[in-house]
């Protein structure tokens, strides 16, 4: 049976791929200027960092519980 951390990591990879696709679509949009692109991409970068931080926290908990 797969643990919580492994399931989270699997889901996180899918979410990161979706965020990356959305990010690239924003950057490729010729209708937006640099300021608009920055305003639209900042939340995506923040979401990505939250996902990565959560994974790191889960891995630390797993590591500590094994010790």
N, C-alpha and C. Protein backbone atom coordinates (compact mmCIF):
# COMPACT_ATOMS: atom_id res chain seq x y z
N UNK A 1 0.84 -1.19 0.00
CA UNK A 1 0.00 0.00 0.00
C UNK A 1 0.88 1.25 0.00
N UNK A 2 0.50 2.20 -0.80
CA UNK A 2 1.26 3.43 -0.95
C UNK A 2 0.97 4.37 0.20
N UNK A 3 2.03 4.96 0.76
CA UNK A 3 1.87 5.90 1.87
C UNK A 3 1.38 7.25 1.41
N UNK A 4 1.06 8.08 2.38
CA UNK A 4 0.53 9.41 2.10
C UNK A 4 1.55 10.23 1.31
N UNK A 5 2.81 10.16 1.71
CA UNK A 5 3.83 10.96 1.03
C UNK A 5 3.95 10.57 -0.43
N UNK A 6 3.95 9.29 -0.71
CA UNK A 6 4.07 8.84 -2.09
C UNK A 6 2.85 9.25 -2.92
N UNK A 7 1.67 9.13 -2.33
CA UNK A 7 0.46 9.54 -3.06
C UNK A 7 0.46 11.03 -3.30
N UNK A 8 0.90 11.80 -2.29
CA UNK A 8 0.97 13.25 -2.44
C UNK A 8 1.94 13.61 -3.57
N UNK A 9 3.10 12.94 -3.56
CA UNK A 9 4.10 13.25 -4.57
C UNK A 9 3.58 12.94 -5.98
N UNK A 10 2.85 11.86 -6.10
CA UNK A 10 2.26 11.50 -7.40
C UNK A 10 1.27 12.57 -7.86
N UNK A 11 0.40 12.99 -6.96
CA UNK A 11 -0.58 14.04 -7.29
C UNK A 11 0.12 15.36 -7.56
N UNK A 12 1.16 15.65 -6.76
CA UNK A 12 1.89 16.89 -6.90
C UNK A 12 2.52 16.99 -8.29
N UNK A 13 3.05 15.89 -8.80
CA UNK A 13 3.66 15.91 -10.13
C UNK A 13 2.64 16.30 -11.20
N UNK A 14 1.43 15.79 -11.07
CA UNK A 14 0.37 16.14 -12.01
C UNK A 14 0.01 17.62 -11.89
N UNK A 15 -0.09 18.10 -10.65
CA UNK A 15 -0.41 19.51 -10.43
C UNK A 15 0.69 20.43 -10.95
N UNK A 16 1.94 20.04 -10.72
CA UNK A 16 3.06 20.85 -11.22
C UNK A 16 3.05 20.93 -12.74
N UNK A 17 2.70 19.83 -13.38
CA UNK A 17 2.63 19.83 -14.84
C UNK A 17 1.54 20.79 -15.32
N UNK A 18 0.39 20.77 -14.65
CA UNK A 18 -0.70 21.69 -15.01
C UNK A 18 -0.29 23.14 -14.78
N UNK A 19 0.38 23.41 -13.65
CA UNK A 19 0.84 24.77 -13.38
C UNK A 19 1.84 25.24 -14.43
N UNK A 20 2.73 24.34 -14.83
CA UNK A 20 3.72 24.68 -15.85
C UNK A 20 3.06 24.98 -17.18
N UNK A 21 2.06 24.20 -17.54
CA UNK A 21 1.34 24.44 -18.80
C UNK A 21 0.63 25.79 -18.76
N UNK A 22 0.00 26.09 -17.63
CA UNK A 22 -0.68 27.37 -17.48
C UNK A 22 0.33 28.52 -17.54
N UNK A 23 1.46 28.34 -16.88
CA UNK A 23 2.53 29.34 -16.86
C UNK A 23 3.01 29.63 -18.28
N UNK A 24 3.28 28.57 -19.03
CA UNK A 24 3.78 28.73 -20.40
C UNK A 24 2.73 29.38 -21.31
N UNK A 25 1.46 29.07 -21.08
CA UNK A 25 0.40 29.69 -21.87
C UNK A 25 0.35 31.20 -21.62
N UNK A 26 0.54 31.58 -20.37
CA UNK A 26 0.55 33.01 -20.04
C UNK A 26 1.74 33.70 -20.73
N UNK A 27 2.91 33.09 -20.63
CA UNK A 27 4.09 33.69 -21.24
C UNK A 27 3.97 33.80 -22.76
N UNK A 28 3.28 32.85 -23.36
CA UNK A 28 3.14 32.83 -24.82
C UNK A 28 2.03 33.76 -25.33
N UNK A 29 1.24 34.31 -24.43
CA UNK A 29 0.11 35.16 -24.83
C UNK A 29 0.63 36.52 -25.29
N UNK A 30 0.54 36.81 -26.59
CA UNK A 30 1.06 38.08 -27.11
C UNK A 30 0.20 39.29 -26.72
N UNK A 31 -1.00 39.05 -26.23
CA UNK A 31 -1.90 40.15 -25.87
C UNK A 31 -1.54 40.79 -24.54
N UNK A 32 -0.77 40.08 -23.71
CA UNK A 32 -0.43 40.60 -22.39
C UNK A 32 0.93 41.27 -22.41
N UNK A 33 1.03 42.38 -21.67
CA UNK A 33 2.33 43.01 -21.53
C UNK A 33 3.07 42.36 -20.36
N UNK A 34 4.30 42.80 -20.15
CA UNK A 34 5.15 42.18 -19.12
C UNK A 34 4.52 42.28 -17.73
N UNK A 35 3.92 43.41 -17.42
CA UNK A 35 3.30 43.60 -16.10
C UNK A 35 2.14 42.63 -15.90
N UNK A 36 1.30 42.48 -16.90
CA UNK A 36 0.17 41.55 -16.82
C UNK A 36 0.65 40.12 -16.66
N UNK A 37 1.69 39.77 -17.41
CA UNK A 37 2.24 38.41 -17.31
C UNK A 37 2.78 38.15 -15.91
N UNK A 38 3.50 39.13 -15.36
CA UNK A 38 4.03 38.98 -14.01
C UNK A 38 2.91 38.81 -12.98
N UNK A 39 1.87 39.61 -13.12
CA UNK A 39 0.73 39.51 -12.19
C UNK A 39 0.03 38.16 -12.27
N UNK A 40 -0.02 37.59 -13.46
CA UNK A 40 -0.69 36.30 -13.66
C UNK A 40 0.19 35.11 -13.27
N UNK A 41 1.52 35.25 -13.40
CA UNK A 41 2.40 34.13 -13.11
C UNK A 41 2.83 34.05 -11.65
N UNK A 42 2.84 35.17 -10.94
CA UNK A 42 3.27 35.14 -9.53
C UNK A 42 2.48 34.15 -8.68
N UNK A 43 1.15 34.13 -8.78
CA UNK A 43 0.40 33.14 -7.98
C UNK A 43 0.76 31.69 -8.34
N UNK A 44 1.08 31.44 -9.59
CA UNK A 44 1.46 30.09 -10.02
C UNK A 44 2.79 29.68 -9.38
N UNK A 45 3.72 30.61 -9.33
CA UNK A 45 5.02 30.34 -8.71
C UNK A 45 4.83 30.07 -7.22
N UNK A 46 3.96 30.84 -6.59
CA UNK A 46 3.68 30.65 -5.17
C UNK A 46 3.04 29.28 -4.92
N UNK A 47 2.10 28.91 -5.75
CA UNK A 47 1.46 27.59 -5.61
C UNK A 47 2.47 26.47 -5.76
N UNK A 48 3.37 26.61 -6.71
CA UNK A 48 4.40 25.59 -6.92
C UNK A 48 5.27 25.46 -5.67
N UNK A 49 5.67 26.58 -5.10
CA UNK A 49 6.53 26.54 -3.92
C UNK A 49 5.80 25.91 -2.74
N UNK A 50 4.52 26.19 -2.59
CA UNK A 50 3.73 25.58 -1.52
C UNK A 50 3.68 24.06 -1.69
N UNK A 51 3.46 23.60 -2.91
CA UNK A 51 3.44 22.16 -3.17
C UNK A 51 4.77 21.51 -2.82
N UNK A 52 5.86 22.15 -3.23
CA UNK A 52 7.19 21.59 -2.95
C UNK A 52 7.50 21.60 -1.46
N UNK A 53 7.11 22.69 -0.77
CA UNK A 53 7.34 22.76 0.67
C UNK A 53 6.55 21.70 1.42
N UNK A 54 5.34 21.45 0.97
CA UNK A 54 4.51 20.43 1.61
C UNK A 54 5.15 19.06 1.45
N UNK A 55 5.65 18.76 0.26
CA UNK A 55 6.32 17.48 0.04
C UNK A 55 7.53 17.35 0.96
N UNK A 56 8.31 18.40 1.05
CA UNK A 56 9.49 18.37 1.91
C UNK A 56 9.09 18.12 3.37
N UNK A 57 8.03 18.76 3.82
CA UNK A 57 7.55 18.56 5.20
C UNK A 57 7.11 17.12 5.43
N UNK A 58 6.38 16.57 4.48
CA UNK A 58 5.92 15.18 4.60
C UNK A 58 7.11 14.22 4.64
N UNK A 59 8.10 14.49 3.83
CA UNK A 59 9.29 13.63 3.81
C UNK A 59 10.04 13.72 5.14
N UNK A 60 10.10 14.91 5.72
CA UNK A 60 10.77 15.07 7.03
C UNK A 60 10.03 14.29 8.11
N UNK A 61 8.71 14.36 8.08
CA UNK A 61 7.91 13.62 9.07
C UNK A 61 8.15 12.12 8.91
N UNK A 62 8.16 11.64 7.68
CA UNK A 62 8.42 10.21 7.42
C UNK A 62 9.79 9.81 7.94
N UNK A 63 10.77 10.65 7.65
CA UNK A 63 12.14 10.35 8.07
C UNK A 63 12.24 10.30 9.60
N UNK A 64 11.61 11.26 10.28
CA UNK A 64 11.66 11.31 11.73
C UNK A 64 10.89 10.15 12.37
N UNK A 65 9.83 9.71 11.72
CA UNK A 65 9.04 8.62 12.29
C UNK A 65 9.74 7.27 12.13
N UNK A 66 10.66 7.18 11.16
CA UNK A 66 11.40 5.96 10.94
C UNK A 66 12.59 5.83 11.90
N UNK A 67 13.04 6.96 12.43
CA UNK A 67 14.23 6.95 13.31
C UNK A 67 13.93 6.40 14.69
